[in-house]
């Protein structure tokens, strides 16, 4: 991978991570189109550190309040009974618990399915199928959801539901934000509430996965055909800058408009991938996988 390719993939990561169109699918497809190889699951996970750093910057006040209130609740500032310690009397404290609870499914499944994530799930026929299927689910949820629940009505049961939806994004084509937003809409949350919780929920899983892959990339021999660390870091920086501005724009868009354009785009992309596969422009499984 050269610097131009790294910048392009960093832009792709930053532009698509927060939109319900699957950044991992775009990196898989664009990476092969411009560089003749899948950049790999490690490259994808590490560049996501950049976009999650953008989340940390944008939501820094929310995150600070959640952390402070969670700790105050845990040590008994709002009461020493177990309900008080679990955030029953403070929304921000409860959010800390819900983010942790919602992160469990993707951590467990990520560890159990690591070989599939790095190889089998990156088959482009699977990616195209997931793009189409979850486009239809997103469209149905957006059209039929009640769009009434604010984020303050989040419960432990709903946090787990969000968590399993996020775990589906281990398969390229599902979309982390798309899966969690779809789940939120199906549970009756507003578009903005579902999107905001999607961003916050992703922080532990994405940062953990990215740092885990980064550690492996630094301590283990490089896999032939995968990007070097220099180009990976360049892409990560580009993803951070791009992702920050995408967050601002996306939250404004979802508070006003429907998700229909993203549904149409996903279906178009799924069809294009199949055409490229049948024409031999793309390979279902890249050698780098």
Protein backbone atom coordinates (compact mmCIF):
# COMPACT_ATOMS: atom_id res chain seq x y z
CA UNK A 1 0.00 0.00 0.00
CA UNK A 2 1.32 3.43 -0.91
CA UNK A 3 0.47 6.80 0.65
CA UNK A 4 -2.20 7.63 -1.95
CA UNK A 5 -4.02 4.34 -1.29
CA UNK A 6 -3.74 4.87 2.47
CA UNK A 7 -5.27 8.35 2.21
CA UNK A 8 -8.10 7.05 0.03
CA UNK A 9 -8.89 4.24 2.48
CA UNK A 10 -8.65 6.64 5.42
CA UNK A 11 -11.20 8.88 3.71
CA UNK A 12 -13.43 5.86 3.04
CA UNK A 13 -13.24 4.80 6.69
CA UNK A 14 -13.98 8.29 7.97
CA UNK A 15 -16.85 8.86 5.56
CA UNK A 16 -18.58 5.52 6.10
CA UNK A 17 -17.97 4.51 9.74
CA UNK A 18 -20.89 6.47 11.16
CA UNK A 19 -23.27 6.10 8.24
CA UNK A 20 -25.44 2.93 8.15
CA UNK A 21 -23.65 1.63 5.04
CA UNK A 22 -20.82 -0.50 6.53
CA UNK A 23 -17.31 0.91 6.62
CA UNK A 24 -15.76 -2.57 6.71
CA UNK A 25 -17.56 -3.47 3.48
CA UNK A 26 -16.32 -0.29 1.80
CA UNK A 27 -12.74 -0.87 2.92
CA UNK A 28 -12.94 -4.45 1.66
CA UNK A 29 -14.31 -3.38 -1.74
CA UNK A 30 -12.36 -0.16 -2.32
CA UNK A 31 -9.17 -1.71 -0.98
CA UNK A 32 -9.28 -4.40 -3.62
CA UNK A 33 -10.31 -2.04 -6.41
CA UNK A 34 -7.44 0.41 -5.86
CA UNK A 35 -4.79 -1.90 -4.45
CA UNK A 36 -5.64 -5.32 -5.86
CA UNK A 37 -6.01 -6.83 -2.39
CA UNK A 38 -8.24 -6.80 0.68
CA UNK A 39 -6.46 -4.57 3.25
CA UNK A 40 -7.52 -7.08 5.91
CA UNK A 41 -9.41 -7.17 9.19
CA UNK A 42 -6.45 -5.79 11.17
CA UNK A 43 -6.18 -2.70 8.95
CA UNK A 44 -9.93 -2.15 9.28
CA UNK A 45 -9.87 -2.47 13.08
CA UNK A 46 -6.85 -0.19 13.52
CA UNK A 47 -8.19 2.58 11.27
CA UNK A 48 -11.41 2.46 13.29
CA UNK A 49 -9.35 3.75 16.24
CA UNK A 50 -9.18 7.01 14.28
CA UNK A 51 -12.93 7.31 13.85
CA UNK A 52 -13.56 6.36 17.48
CA UNK A 53 -11.08 9.03 18.55
CA UNK A 54 -13.36 11.44 16.67
CA UNK A 55 -16.28 10.11 18.74
CA UNK A 56 -14.30 10.70 21.95
CA UNK A 57 -13.60 14.27 20.87
CA UNK A 58 -17.14 15.09 19.76
CA UNK A 59 -18.89 13.46 22.75
CA UNK A 60 -16.19 14.42 25.27
CA UNK A 61 -18.62 16.23 27.60
CA UNK A 62 -21.16 13.41 27.49
CA UNK A 63 -18.44 10.83 28.13
CA UNK A 64 -16.98 12.88 30.99
CA UNK A 65 -20.40 13.18 32.66
CA UNK A 66 -21.12 9.47 32.19
CA UNK A 67 -17.79 8.46 33.72
CA UNK A 68 -18.12 10.84 36.70
CA UNK A 69 -21.74 9.97 37.44
CA UNK A 70 -21.08 6.24 37.02
CA UNK A 71 -18.25 6.36 39.55
CA UNK A 72 -20.26 8.49 41.99
CA UNK A 73 -23.16 6.07 41.75
CA UNK A 74 -20.90 3.05 42.18
CA UNK A 75 -19.32 4.40 45.37
CA UNK A 76 -22.75 5.17 46.83
CA UNK A 77 -23.14 8.95 46.46
CA UNK A 78 -26.79 8.51 45.39
CA UNK A 79 -27.57 5.75 47.90
CA UNK A 80 -25.96 2.57 49.14
CA UNK A 81 -28.63 0.12 47.98
CA UNK A 82 -27.82 -1.90 44.86
CA UNK A 83 -30.36 -0.06 42.67
CA UNK A 84 -28.79 3.29 43.48
CA UNK A 85 -25.31 1.93 42.82
CA UNK A 86 -26.55 0.66 39.43
CA UNK A 87 -27.64 4.17 38.44
CA UNK A 88 -31.36 4.02 39.19
CA UNK A 89 -31.42 7.70 40.20
CA UNK A 90 -29.12 9.16 37.55
CA UNK A 91 -29.39 8.74 33.78
CA UNK A 92 -25.68 9.31 33.09
CA UNK A 93 -24.68 6.75 35.70
CA UNK A 94 -27.10 4.23 34.21
CA UNK A 95 -25.67 4.95 30.73
CA UNK A 96 -22.27 3.84 31.97
CA UNK A 97 -23.72 0.47 32.97
CA UNK A 98 -25.76 0.17 29.76
CA UNK A 99 -22.74 0.85 27.54
CA UNK A 100 -20.82 -1.86 29.40
CA UNK A 101 -23.75 -4.26 29.23
CA UNK A 102 -24.32 -3.60 25.55
CA UNK A 103 -20.64 -4.24 24.80
CA UNK A 104 -20.67 -7.82 26.11
CA UNK A 105 -22.17 -9.53 23.01
CA UNK A 106 -19.62 -8.16 20.55
CA UNK A 107 -16.69 -8.91 22.87
CA UNK A 108 -17.75 -12.53 23.41
CA UNK A 109 -18.67 -13.20 19.79
CA UNK A 110 -15.61 -11.32 18.53
CA UNK A 111 -13.32 -13.62 20.49
CA UNK A 112 -15.23 -16.79 19.61
CA UNK A 113 -15.49 -16.00 15.90
CA UNK A 114 -12.10 -14.38 15.34
CA UNK A 115 -11.02 -16.77 12.56
CA UNK A 116 -14.31 -16.29 10.73
CA UNK A 117 -14.04 -12.50 11.09
CA UNK A 118 -10.54 -12.49 9.61
CA UNK A 119 -11.37 -14.85 6.76
CA UNK A 120 -14.80 -16.40 6.02
CA UNK A 121 -16.94 -13.35 6.78
CA UNK A 122 -14.89 -11.25 4.34
CA UNK A 123 -16.25 -13.17 1.35
CA UNK A 124 -17.75 -10.51 -0.91
CA UNK A 125 -20.81 -12.61 -1.72
CA UNK A 126 -21.61 -12.58 2.01
CA UNK A 127 -20.91 -8.83 2.09
CA UNK A 128 -23.32 -8.18 -0.79
CA UNK A 129 -26.01 -10.29 0.89
CA UNK A 130 -25.63 -8.44 4.20
CA UNK A 131 -25.72 -5.06 2.45
CA UNK A 132 -29.04 -5.95 0.83
CA UNK A 133 -30.69 -7.72 3.77
CA UNK A 134 -29.86 -5.04 6.32
CA UNK A 135 -30.84 -2.31 3.87
CA UNK A 136 -34.34 -3.77 3.79
CA UNK A 137 -34.40 -4.14 7.59
CA UNK A 138 -33.27 -0.54 8.06
CA UNK A 139 -35.89 0.71 5.61
CA UNK A 140 -38.66 -1.28 7.30
CA UNK A 141 -37.62 -0.17 10.78
CA UNK A 142 -37.38 3.48 9.75
CA UNK A 143 -40.82 3.39 8.14
CA UNK A 144 -42.62 1.44 10.87
CA UNK A 145 -40.77 2.47 14.04
CA UNK A 146 -42.59 4.70 16.50
CA UNK A 147 -39.70 7.24 16.69
CA UNK A 148 -40.92 8.22 20.15
CA UNK A 149 -38.50 6.98 22.83
CA UNK A 150 -35.77 9.41 23.98
CA UNK A 151 -32.43 8.04 25.08
CA UNK A 152 -33.41 8.60 28.73
CA UNK A 153 -35.83 5.67 28.42
CA UNK A 154 -33.02 3.22 27.68
CA UNK A 155 -33.29 0.05 29.79
CA UNK A 156 -31.00 -2.89 30.48
CA UNK A 157 -33.09 -5.11 28.18
CA UNK A 158 -32.85 -2.61 25.35
CA UNK A 159 -29.11 -2.14 25.96
CA UNK A 160 -28.61 -5.88 25.39
CA UNK A 161 -30.74 -5.66 22.24
CA UNK A 162 -28.53 -2.86 20.95
CA UNK A 163 -25.50 -4.95 21.88
CA UNK A 164 -26.51 -7.99 19.84
CA UNK A 165 -27.33 -5.73 16.89
CA UNK A 166 -23.85 -4.21 17.15
CA UNK A 167 -22.31 -7.69 17.23
CA UNK A 168 -23.84 -8.42 13.82
CA UNK A 169 -21.41 -5.85 12.40
CA UNK A 170 -18.62 -8.40 12.82
CA UNK A 171 -19.80 -9.44 9.34
CA UNK A 172 -18.79 -6.82 6.72
CA UNK A 173 -21.86 -5.42 5.04
CA UNK A 174 -24.05 -5.28 8.15
CA UNK A 175 -22.77 -1.91 9.45
CA UNK A 176 -22.21 -1.23 13.14
CA UNK A 177 -24.23 1.96 13.11
CA UNK A 178 -26.78 0.45 10.72
CA UNK A 179 -27.36 -2.58 12.94
CA UNK A 180 -27.68 -0.63 16.18
CA UNK A 181 -29.79 2.14 14.63
CA UNK A 182 -32.11 -0.46 13.09
CA UNK A 183 -32.49 -2.13 16.48
CA UNK A 184 -33.17 1.23 18.11
CA UNK A 185 -35.84 2.13 15.58
CA UNK A 186 -37.49 -1.27 16.03
CA UNK A 187 -37.55 -0.67 19.79
CA UNK A 188 -39.27 2.68 19.25
CA UNK A 189 -36.40 5.14 19.77
CA UNK A 190 -36.08 8.37 17.83
CA UNK A 191 -33.58 8.47 14.97
CA UNK A 192 -31.27 10.81 16.88
CA UNK A 193 -31.45 8.77 20.12
CA UNK A 194 -30.61 5.55 18.27
CA UNK A 195 -27.72 7.24 16.46
CA UNK A 196 -26.24 8.84 19.61
CA UNK A 197 -26.35 5.60 21.58
CA UNK A 198 -24.86 3.77 18.58
CA UNK A 199 -21.85 6.11 18.70
CA UNK A 200 -21.37 5.77 22.47
CA UNK A 201 -21.86 2.00 22.47
CA UNK A 202 -19.21 1.53 19.80
CA UNK A 203 -16.41 3.12 21.86
CA UNK A 204 -15.41 0.16 24.10
CA UNK A 205 -15.78 -2.48 21.36
CA UNK A 206 -14.07 -0.58 18.56
CA UNK A 207 -11.23 0.80 20.68
CA UNK A 208 -10.69 -2.61 22.27
CA UNK A 209 -10.68 -4.39 18.91
CA UNK A 210 -8.43 -1.78 17.34
CA UNK A 211 -5.88 -1.83 20.16
CA UNK A 212 -5.92 -5.65 20.17
CA UNK A 213 -5.22 -5.76 16.44
CA UNK A 214 -2.61 -3.01 16.82
CA UNK A 215 -0.80 -5.01 19.49
CA UNK A 216 -0.81 -8.05 17.21
CA UNK A 217 0.46 -6.02 14.27
CA UNK A 218 3.35 -4.64 16.33
CA UNK A 219 4.38 -7.86 18.10
CA UNK A 220 3.75 -10.48 15.41
CA UNK A 221 5.43 -10.97 12.00
CA UNK A 222 3.70 -9.05 9.21
CA UNK A 223 1.37 -11.05 6.97
CA UNK A 224 2.39 -10.95 3.33
CA UNK A 225 0.15 -8.69 1.25
CA UNK A 226 -1.18 -6.61 4.17
CA UNK A 227 -0.46 -2.87 4.66
CA UNK A 228 2.56 -1.75 6.65
CA UNK A 229 2.20 0.11 9.94
CA UNK A 230 3.22 3.46 8.43
CA UNK A 231 0.44 3.42 5.87
CA UNK A 232 -2.02 2.08 8.44
CA UNK A 233 -1.30 5.00 10.76
CA UNK A 234 -1.63 7.48 7.88
CA UNK A 235 -5.06 6.05 7.04
CA UNK A 236 -6.03 6.21 10.73
CA UNK A 237 -5.19 9.92 10.98
CA UNK A 238 -7.16 10.69 7.82
CA UNK A 239 -10.09 8.66 9.19
CA UNK A 240 -10.02 10.67 12.44
CA UNK A 241 -10.23 14.07 10.73
CA UNK A 242 -12.85 12.98 8.22
CA UNK A 243 -14.92 11.10 10.80
CA UNK A 244 -15.23 14.10 13.11
CA UNK A 245 -16.96 16.21 10.47
CA UNK A 246 -19.15 13.28 9.40
CA UNK A 247 -20.48 12.94 12.98
CA UNK A 248 -21.54 16.59 12.97
CA UNK A 249 -23.30 16.30 9.63
CA UNK A 250 -24.90 12.91 10.30
CA UNK A 251 -26.53 13.90 13.59
CA UNK A 252 -28.06 16.94 11.89
CA UNK A 253 -29.30 14.84 8.97
CA UNK A 254 -30.97 12.10 11.04
CA UNK A 255 -32.88 14.62 13.15
CA UNK A 256 -34.58 15.90 9.99
CA UNK A 257 -34.57 13.27 7.25
CA UNK A 258 -35.31 9.54 6.93
CA UNK A 259 -32.81 6.77 6.25
CA UNK A 260 -34.27 6.07 2.79
CA UNK A 261 -31.22 7.40 0.86
CA UNK A 262 -28.95 5.02 2.80
CA UNK A 263 -31.30 2.11 2.09
CA UNK A 264 -31.23 2.84 -1.65
CA UNK A 265 -27.45 3.25 -1.61
CA UNK A 266 -26.93 -0.08 0.17
CA UNK A 267 -29.10 -1.91 -2.36
CA UNK A 268 -27.27 -0.26 -5.25
CA UNK A 269 -23.88 -1.14 -3.75
CA UNK A 270 -24.94 -4.76 -3.14
CA UNK A 271 -25.99 -5.09 -6.78
CA UNK A 272 -22.76 -3.46 -7.98
CA UNK A 273 -20.64 -5.85 -5.91
CA UNK A 274 -22.41 -8.87 -7.41
CA UNK A 275 -21.91 -7.49 -10.93
CA UNK A 276 -18.22 -6.88 -10.26
CA UNK A 277 -17.85 -10.39 -8.84
CA UNK A 278 -19.54 -12.01 -11.84
CA UNK A 279 -17.42 -9.89 -14.21
CA UNK A 280 -14.21 -10.90 -12.44
CA UNK A 281 -13.36 -7.34 -11.39
CA UNK A 282 -13.49 -8.41 -7.74
CA UNK A 283 -12.55 -11.73 -6.16
CA UNK A 284 -14.88 -13.22 -3.53
CA UNK A 285 -11.97 -14.02 -1.22
CA UNK A 286 -8.82 -11.97 -1.50
CA UNK A 287 -5.43 -13.63 -1.03
CA UNK A 288 -4.71 -11.14 1.75
CA UNK A 289 -7.64 -12.54 3.74
